[in-house]
Amino acid sequence: MKDFFNKETLDNIKQFCAENKKYVGVAGVLVGLILILIVVVAGGNNGRQSNTEAGSQTEISVKDFEFEKDYTNDAKDDISTLLADYYKAYVGDDLDTLGKLATPMSDNEKSYIGVVSQYYESVNDITPYTKNGLKKGTYFVSVKNSIKFTGVDTQAPTLDFFYIETDKDGKLFINNVYSNFNRTYCENELDDDIMELISKYTASSEFADLHEEVQKEYEQAVGSDANLKTMLETTLTGAIKQWYTSSGIANLKKSDADTQTTEADTQQADDASLSGDQQTTDANAGQTADQQTTDANAGQTTDQQTTDTNAANQQTAEQPQAPAEYQVVTKDVVKVRDGASTDAKELGLLKEQVTLTAYGTEGDWTIVSYSAGTNGRAYIKTENLQTVGQ
């Protein structure tokens, strides 16, 4: 190597460069560009590696994610517009518009909306309460509103839930897989991670406060207007029963079970929640056929009453009669669950001295009205409740 860089060799290189300046200059520029490109690419790779490492450090898992304490105003105007359009289309049975705002929407849900919407006059006082989801552009939204039924003066306060996402064009839409309808009938598969986030959302104290507020307003409205009570507990419930027994859902359940009877389907429909804004409304609706028959037969002769009693006992043996409604109040902060077990999914927390409508017991648990529960029902340990008036 030392001999290569002797004076004679260097002189020959200088002479070559002097005679070929133009070509040597071009070659030099090319070499320079190549060196710059190498540096830029190397720097970009290092940058991407750093960004990847930083991203992995800031990524939050579903298990570790916690909702912010307060409701957010993010995308408030867009969410309000989306919900206003949704309810307008729902009341008008405008399925084409609904399908664009809330997707996917099954044929069974469309037929359901066609049945119940005929009793709706309007949905008013639409107020969204929003929290940001795990992914950017996703929102967990509770919606407080009031339903005006046809021919009824008093409006029914309700609390609804929507999972809202942002599409690739930056436009908001309702992910209808997580509607109350599909979470009840499970026509579309539910993602476990999102369901876990929904459970966390409904377990927050903010949701518990909101639910308590709407529940009190609802019970006050129903208690003050006999026409509203009749609409909810007789007219609307009867329409839902009829829809259920003739729906594809009921037929599918019959096919799966083979031994399931029409009476069992009808009983299940008593507790079936309405899609979207109707779930809280129907949480307290549903007088049984046995109770209605008993009322209708009041004042008959002793022999007639005895006959009716025997018939009622025979029907009870085939299908247990639902217990009468009564009021309970929480003794302390309590957990609300989706089943009569400590292993059941936790739906939320309720504060001390919250009054609820109860429907009976199942083991050590009391069945209560709770809009976030399956079919508007949930479970609380009986030891944590006190019956009003006792």
Protein backbone atom coordinates (compact mmCIF):
# COMPACT_ATOMS: atom_id res chain seq x y z
CA MET A 1 0.00 0.00 0.00
CA LYS A 2 2.93 2.34 0.78
CA ASP A 3 4.42 1.71 -2.70
CA PHE A 4 1.05 2.51 -4.30
CA PHE A 5 1.09 6.06 -2.93
CA ASN A 6 4.64 6.92 -4.11
CA LYS A 7 5.39 10.21 -5.92
CA GLU A 8 5.28 8.71 -9.43
CA THR A 9 1.84 7.19 -8.89
CA LEU A 10 0.44 10.43 -7.48
CA ASP A 11 1.85 12.41 -10.41
CA ASN A 12 0.15 10.02 -12.86
CA ILE A 13 -3.20 10.47 -11.05
CA LYS A 14 -2.89 14.27 -11.18
CA GLN A 15 -2.11 14.17 -14.90
CA PHE A 16 -5.13 11.90 -15.56
CA CYS A 17 -7.45 14.20 -13.63
CA ALA A 18 -6.12 17.27 -15.46
CA GLU A 19 -6.73 15.68 -18.85
CA ASN A 20 -10.26 14.41 -17.91
CA LYS A 21 -11.65 17.20 -15.72
CA LYS A 22 -15.19 16.95 -17.08
CA TYR A 23 -15.56 13.22 -16.44
CA VAL A 24 -13.83 13.32 -13.09
CA GLY A 25 -16.19 16.12 -11.95
CA VAL A 26 -19.29 14.14 -12.90
CA ALA A 27 -17.96 11.06 -11.12
CA GLY A 28 -17.25 13.14 -8.06
CA VAL A 29 -20.82 14.46 -7.98
CA LEU A 30 -22.21 10.95 -8.31
CA VAL A 31 -20.05 9.69 -5.49
CA GLY A 32 -21.17 12.60 -3.34
CA LEU A 33 -24.84 11.90 -4.03
CA ILE A 34 -24.38 8.25 -3.20
CA LEU A 35 -22.77 9.15 0.13
CA ILE A 36 -25.59 11.58 0.95
CA LEU A 37 -28.22 8.96 0.09
CA ILE A 38 -26.53 6.44 2.35
CA VAL A 39 -26.53 8.91 5.24
CA VAL A 40 -30.22 9.87 4.71
CA VAL A 41 -31.40 6.27 4.47
CA ALA A 42 -29.41 5.29 7.54
CA GLY A 43 -30.82 8.25 9.42
CA GLY A 44 -34.38 7.40 8.30
CA ASN A 45 -34.01 3.83 9.43
CA ASN A 46 -32.71 5.01 12.78
CA GLY A 47 -35.63 7.44 13.00
CA ARG A 48 -38.18 4.75 12.16
CA GLN A 49 -36.61 2.46 14.68
CA SER A 50 -36.79 5.19 17.31
CA ASN A 51 -40.41 5.96 16.42
CA THR A 52 -41.33 2.29 16.56
CA GLU A 53 -39.70 1.95 19.95
CA ALA A 54 -41.44 5.10 21.18
CA GLY A 55 -44.79 3.87 19.81
CA SER A 56 -44.44 0.53 21.54
CA GLN A 57 -43.68 2.31 24.77
CA THR A 58 -46.80 4.54 24.58
CA GLU A 59 -49.24 1.91 23.29
CA ILE A 60 -51.90 1.12 25.92
CA SER A 61 -53.57 -2.26 26.22
CA VAL A 62 -57.28 -2.75 26.82
CA LYS A 63 -56.49 -4.06 30.28
CA ASP A 64 -54.48 -0.97 31.25
CA PHE A 65 -56.71 1.60 29.55
CA GLU A 66 -58.73 3.89 31.81
CA PHE A 67 -61.38 6.35 30.69
CA GLU A 68 -60.87 9.99 31.58
CA LYS A 69 -62.85 11.02 34.62
CA ASP A 70 -64.95 13.71 32.98
CA TYR A 71 -67.00 13.63 29.80
CA THR A 72 -65.26 15.23 26.82
CA ASN A 73 -66.32 17.81 24.26
CA ASP A 74 -64.25 16.18 21.50
CA ALA A 75 -66.27 16.01 18.27
CA LYS A 76 -69.31 17.21 20.24
CA ASP A 77 -70.98 19.00 17.32
CA ASP A 78 -70.42 16.13 14.87
CA ILE A 79 -71.69 13.56 17.38
CA SER A 80 -74.78 15.67 18.15
CA THR A 81 -75.56 15.98 14.44
CA LEU A 82 -75.11 12.23 13.90
CA LEU A 83 -77.45 11.38 16.77
CA ALA A 84 -80.09 13.91 15.72
CA ASP A 85 -80.10 12.41 12.20
CA TYR A 86 -80.24 8.88 13.64
CA TYR A 87 -83.27 9.52 15.86
CA LYS A 88 -85.10 11.41 13.11
CA ALA A 89 -84.62 8.46 10.76
CA TYR A 90 -85.59 5.99 13.52
CA VAL A 91 -88.89 7.75 14.25
CA GLY A 92 -89.63 8.01 10.52
CA ASP A 93 -88.75 4.35 9.87
CA ASP A 94 -86.26 5.61 7.26
CA LEU A 95 -84.21 2.43 6.98
CA ASP A 96 -82.06 3.65 4.10
CA THR A 97 -80.79 6.60 6.12
CA LEU A 98 -80.41 4.50 9.26
CA GLY A 99 -78.30 1.98 7.36
CA LYS A 100 -75.86 4.73 6.41
CA LEU A 101 -75.64 6.19 9.91
CA ALA A 102 -75.54 2.91 11.87
CA THR A 103 -73.91 -0.15 10.34
CA PRO A 104 -74.31 -3.09 10.16
CA MET A 105 -78.08 -3.34 10.61
CA SER A 106 -79.71 -6.75 10.27
CA ASP A 107 -83.06 -7.50 8.64
CA ASN A 108 -84.44 -8.49 12.05
CA GLU A 109 -83.49 -5.14 13.57
CA LYS A 110 -85.04 -3.33 10.60
CA SER A 111 -88.30 -5.21 11.07
CA TYR A 112 -88.17 -4.44 14.79
CA ILE A 113 -87.76 -0.72 14.11
CA GLY A 114 -90.69 -0.88 11.70
CA VAL A 115 -92.89 -2.22 14.50
CA VAL A 116 -91.95 0.10 17.37
CA SER A 117 -91.43 3.31 15.40
CA GLN A 118 -95.14 3.51 14.58
CA TYR A 119 -95.78 4.45 18.23
CA TYR A 120 -93.15 7.22 18.22
CA GLU A 121 -94.00 10.84 17.60
CA SER A 122 -90.53 12.29 18.26
CA VAL A 123 -87.31 11.97 20.25
CA ASN A 124 -86.44 15.23 22.02
CA ASP A 125 -83.86 16.83 24.34
CA ILE A 126 -81.04 14.75 22.85
CA THR A 127 -77.98 15.23 25.09
CA PRO A 128 -74.82 13.16 24.45
CA TYR A 129 -72.26 12.39 27.17
CA THR A 130 -69.02 11.33 25.47
CA LYS A 131 -65.74 9.72 26.49
CA ASN A 132 -62.81 9.05 24.17
CA GLY A 133 -62.07 5.41 23.40
CA LEU A 134 -58.79 3.51 23.28
CA LYS A 135 -58.20 4.28 19.60
CA LYS A 136 -58.20 7.81 18.20
CA GLY A 137 -61.55 8.69 16.66
CA THR A 138 -63.59 6.21 18.75
CA TYR A 139 -66.16 7.35 21.30
CA PHE A 140 -68.31 5.77 24.00
CA VAL A 141 -71.50 7.81 24.14
CA SER A 142 -74.42 7.82 26.57
CA VAL A 143 -77.42 9.72 25.26
CA LYS A 144 -80.08 11.17 27.51
CA ASN A 145 -83.31 11.96 25.67
CA SER A 146 -87.10 12.03 25.98
CA ILE A 147 -89.48 9.97 23.84
CA LYS A 148 -92.85 11.46 22.87
CA PHE A 149 -95.29 8.65 22.13
CA THR A 150 -98.32 9.15 19.92
CA GLY A 151 -101.39 10.09 21.98
CA VAL A 152 -99.42 10.43 25.25
CA ASP A 153 -98.76 13.84 26.81
CA THR A 154 -95.91 12.92 29.17
CA GLN A 155 -92.56 12.13 27.58
CA ALA A 156 -90.49 9.14 28.73
CA PRO A 157 -86.90 9.97 29.81
CA THR A 158 -84.45 7.36 28.51
CA LEU A 159 -80.72 6.65 28.52
CA ASP A 160 -79.17 5.17 25.40
CA PHE A 161 -75.68 3.95 24.47
CA PHE A 162 -73.70 4.12 21.22
CA TYR A 163 -70.20 3.11 20.20
CA ILE A 164 -69.13 5.64 17.57
CA GLU A 165 -66.14 5.35 15.24
CA THR A 166 -64.50 7.40 12.49
CA ASP A 167 -64.29 5.99 8.95
CA LYS A 168 -61.34 6.32 6.54
CA ASP A 169 -62.75 9.60 5.21
CA GLY A 170 -62.88 11.11 8.71
CA LYS A 171 -66.68 10.82 8.99
CA LEU A 172 -68.37 9.57 12.16
CA PHE A 173 -70.67 6.55 12.13
CA ILE A 174 -72.41 4.34 14.71
CA ASN A 175 -70.84 0.88 14.99
CA ASN A 176 -74.16 -0.94 15.26
CA VAL A 177 -72.56 -4.22 16.31
CA TYR A 178 -72.61 -2.75 19.83
CA SER A 179 -76.19 -1.50 19.75
CA ASN A 180 -78.52 -2.63 22.51
CA PHE A 181 -80.34 -4.76 19.93
CA ASN A 182 -77.29 -6.79 18.87
CA ARG A 183 -75.90 -7.03 22.40
CA THR A 184 -79.25 -8.61 23.30
CA TYR A 185 -79.69 -10.98 20.34
CA CYS A 186 -76.03 -11.39 19.21
CA GLU A 187 -76.70 -11.66 15.49
CA ASN A 188 -73.25 -10.14 14.80
CA GLU A 189 -70.14 -11.29 16.64
CA LEU A 190 -68.99 -9.02 19.47
CA ASP A 191 -65.31 -8.19 19.91
CA ASP A 192 -64.12 -9.14 23.41
CA ASP A 193 -61.84 -6.11 23.72
CA ILE A 194 -64.57 -3.62 22.91
CA MET A 195 -67.01 -5.40 25.22
CA GLU A 196 -64.42 -5.15 27.99
CA LEU A 197 -64.13 -1.43 27.33
CA ILE A 198 -67.92 -1.07 27.44
CA SER A 199 -67.92 -2.83 30.81
CA LYS A 200 -65.27 -0.40 32.07
CA TYR A 201 -67.28 2.51 30.75
CA THR A 202 -70.51 1.44 32.46
CA ALA A 203 -68.60 0.75 35.68
CA SER A 204 -67.58 4.40 36.02
CA SER A 205 -69.10 6.59 38.72
CA GLU A 206 -70.04 9.16 36.07
CA PHE A 207 -72.19 6.59 34.26
CA ALA A 208 -73.74 5.47 37.56
CA ASP A 209 -74.70 9.07 38.39
CA LEU A 210 -76.21 9.60 34.94
CA HIS A 211 -78.14 6.34 35.07
CA GLU A 212 -79.50 7.16 38.53
CA GLU A 213 -80.66 10.57 37.32
CA VAL A 214 -82.50 9.17 34.30
CA GLN A 215 -83.97 6.27 36.29
CA LYS A 216 -85.58 8.66 38.79
CA GLU A 217 -87.00 10.84 36.02
CA TYR A 218 -88.34 7.77 34.22
CA GLU A 219 -90.13 6.35 37.25
CA GLN A 220 -91.58 9.76 38.08
CA ALA A 221 -92.91 10.14 34.52
CA VAL A 222 -94.50 6.67 34.45
CA GLY A 223 -96.04 7.20 37.88
CA SER A 224 -97.58 10.52 36.90
CA ASP A 225 -99.28 9.51 33.63
CA ALA A 226 -101.49 6.44 33.33
CA ASN A 227 -101.48 6.75 29.53
CA LEU A 228 -97.67 6.55 29.45
CA LYS A 229 -97.75 3.50 31.73
CA THR A 230 -100.31 1.82 29.46
CA MET A 231 -98.26 2.64 26.36
CA LEU A 232 -95.12 1.10 27.85
CA GLU A 233 -96.52 -1.85 29.76
CA THR A 234 -99.35 -2.93 27.46
CA THR A 235 -99.37 -1.42 23.97
CA LEU A 236 -95.66 -1.36 23.21
CA THR A 237 -94.88 -4.56 25.08
CA GLY A 238 -97.65 -6.39 23.25
CA ALA A 239 -96.31 -5.20 19.90
CA ILE A 240 -92.82 -6.40 20.81
CA LYS A 241 -94.16 -9.81 21.87
CA GLN A 242 -95.93 -10.21 18.56
CA TRP A 243 -92.82 -9.12 16.64
CA TYR A 244 -90.61 -11.51 18.56
CA THR A 245 -92.75 -14.60 18.08
CA SER A 246 -92.88 -14.04 14.33
CA SER A 247 -89.28 -12.84 13.88
CA GLY A 248 -86.34 -14.69 12.39
CA ILE A 249 -84.69 -14.60 15.80
CA ALA A 250 -87.50 -16.57 17.46
CA ASN A 251 -87.60 -19.05 14.58
CA LEU A 252 -83.83 -19.53 14.83
CA LYS A 253 -84.03 -20.20 18.56
CA LYS A 254 -86.81 -22.72 17.97
CA SER A 255 -84.73 -24.45 15.35
CA ASP A 256 -81.71 -24.63 17.66
CA ALA A 257 -83.62 -25.85 20.70
CA ASP A 258 -86.31 -27.95 18.91
CA THR A 259 -88.29 -28.18 22.16
CA GLN A 260 -88.80 -24.48 22.71
CA THR A 261 -92.50 -23.49 22.79
CA THR A 262 -94.30 -20.39 21.66
CA GLU A 263 -95.13 -19.54 25.30
CA ALA A 264 -91.43 -19.59 26.20
CA ASP A 265 -90.65 -17.29 23.29
CA THR A 266 -93.37 -14.88 24.38
CA GLN A 267 -92.04 -14.82 27.96
CA GLN A 268 -88.56 -14.04 26.66
CA ALA A 269 -90.03 -11.19 24.63
CA ASP A 270 -91.47 -9.65 27.83
CA ASP A 271 -87.95 -8.76 28.89
CA ALA A 272 -86.50 -8.09 25.45
CA SER A 273 -85.09 -4.59 25.40
CA LEU A 274 -85.80 -2.11 22.66
CA SER A 275 -83.02 -1.18 20.28
CA GLY A 276 -81.22 2.05 20.98
CA ASP A 277 -83.24 4.63 22.90
CA GLN A 278 -85.98 2.26 24.02
CA GLN A 279 -83.96 0.02 26.36
CA THR A 280 -84.40 2.10 29.50
CA THR A 281 -88.02 2.79 28.61
CA ASP A 282 -88.93 -0.90 28.51
CA ALA A 283 -86.85 -1.83 31.55
CA ASN A 284 -89.93 -1.55 33.77
CA ALA A 285 -92.57 -2.61 31.22
CA GLY A 286 -94.27 -5.96 30.98
CA GLN A 287 -97.23 -7.11 33.01
CA THR A 288 -97.69 -10.88 32.63
CA ALA A 289 -100.67 -12.50 30.97
CA ASP A 290 -101.54 -14.18 34.27
CA GLN A 291 -101.70 -10.83 36.08
CA GLN A 292 -103.87 -9.31 33.35
CA THR A 293 -106.22 -12.29 33.46
CA THR A 294 -106.52 -12.03 37.25
CA ASP A 295 -107.42 -8.34 37.00
CA ALA A 296 -109.97 -8.99 34.26
CA ASN A 297 -111.68 -11.68 36.32
CA ALA A 298 -111.95 -9.64 39.52
CA GLY A 299 -115.54 -9.60 40.91
CA GLN A 300 -116.59 -12.99 39.53
CA THR A 301 -118.40 -15.59 41.66
CA THR A 302 -116.50 -17.85 44.04
CA ASP A 303 -116.93 -20.82 41.71
CA GLN A 304 -115.60 -18.85 38.78
CA GLN A 305 -112.64 -17.59 40.82
CA THR A 306 -111.86 -21.14 41.93
CA THR A 307 -111.91 -22.30 38.31
CA ASP A 308 -109.66 -19.43 37.30
CA THR A 309 -107.29 -20.17 40.19
CA ASN A 310 -106.95 -23.80 39.14
CA ALA A 311 -106.28 -22.74 35.57
CA ALA A 312 -103.71 -20.21 36.75
CA ASN A 313 -101.98 -22.84 38.89
CA GLN A 314 -101.81 -25.17 35.90
CA GLN A 315 -100.30 -22.42 33.77
CA THR A 316 -97.84 -21.53 36.55
CA ALA A 317 -96.61 -25.11 36.58
CA GLU A 318 -95.81 -24.79 32.90
CA GLN A 319 -94.40 -21.26 33.06
CA PRO A 320 -93.51 -19.46 36.34
CA GLN A 321 -95.29 -16.17 36.86
CA ALA A 322 -93.06 -13.13 37.23
CA PRO A 323 -93.11 -11.61 40.73
CA ALA A 324 -94.71 -8.22 41.28
CA GLU A 325 -92.54 -5.14 41.09
CA TYR A 326 -91.34 -3.49 44.31
CA GLN A 327 -88.84 -0.82 45.30
CA VAL A 328 -85.45 -1.38 46.90
CA VAL A 329 -82.71 1.03 47.98
CA THR A 330 -78.95 0.44 48.12
CA LYS A 331 -77.41 0.33 51.61
CA ASP A 332 -73.91 1.19 50.42
CA VAL A 333 -71.89 1.51 47.21
CA VAL A 334 -72.77 -1.70 45.35
CA LYS A 335 -71.63 -3.55 42.25
CA VAL A 336 -74.20 -4.29 39.55
CA ARG A 337 -73.65 -7.51 37.59
CA ASP A 338 -75.07 -9.15 34.49
CA GLY A 339 -75.78 -12.42 36.27
CA ALA A 340 -76.47 -13.93 39.68
CA SER A 341 -72.82 -14.63 40.43
CA THR A 342 -69.67 -12.83 41.54
CA ASP A 343 -68.11 -14.21 38.35
CA ALA A 344 -70.71 -12.45 36.17
CA LYS A 345 -69.70 -9.36 34.20
CA GLU A 346 -69.64 -6.18 36.26
CA LEU A 347 -71.91 -3.56 34.67
CA GLY A 348 -71.35 -0.64 37.00
CA LEU A 349 -71.47 0.81 40.48
CA LEU A 350 -74.35 2.45 42.32
CA LYS A 351 -74.02 4.83 45.23
CA GLU A 352 -75.69 4.54 48.63
CA GLN A 353 -79.43 5.35 48.85
CA VAL A 354 -80.20 4.73 45.15
CA THR A 355 -83.80 3.56 44.66
CA LEU A 356 -84.41 0.80 42.09
CA THR A 357 -87.31 -1.26 40.82
CA ALA A 358 -86.88 -4.93 41.74
CA TYR A 359 -88.54 -7.99 40.19
CA GLY A 360 -87.72 -10.75 42.63
CA THR A 361 -84.71 -12.78 43.67
CA GLU A 362 -82.48 -15.50 42.27
CA GLY A 363 -80.57 -17.21 45.05
CA ASP A 364 -78.68 -14.56 47.04
CA TRP A 365 -79.25 -11.96 44.32
CA THR A 366 -82.03 -9.48 43.58
CA ILE A 367 -83.10 -8.79 39.98
CA VAL A 368 -83.32 -5.03 39.38
CA SER A 369 -84.09 -2.64 36.55
CA TYR A 370 -80.81 -1.47 35.01
CA SER A 371 -80.54 -0.08 31.50
CA ALA A 372 -77.01 -1.39 30.88
CA GLY A 373 -77.99 -4.96 31.73
CA THR A 374 -79.18 -7.69 29.41
CA ASN A 375 -82.83 -6.99 28.54
CA GLY A 376 -82.76 -4.04 30.93
CA ARG A 377 -82.19 -6.31 33.94
CA ALA A 378 -79.21 -6.77 36.26
CA TYR A 379 -78.32 -8.35 39.61
CA ILE A 380 -77.27 -6.96 43.00
CA LYS A 381 -76.47 -8.96 46.14
CA THR A 382 -79.68 -8.95 48.21
CA GLU A 383 -77.74 -8.28 51.42
CA ASN A 384 -76.75 -4.90 50.01
CA LEU A 385 -80.37 -3.82 49.42
CA GLN A 386 -83.27 -2.82 51.63
CA THR A 387 -86.90 -3.08 50.54
CA VAL A 388 -88.62 0.30 50.65
CA GLY A 389 -91.21 0.43 53.43
CA GLN A 390 -89.58 -2.23 55.59
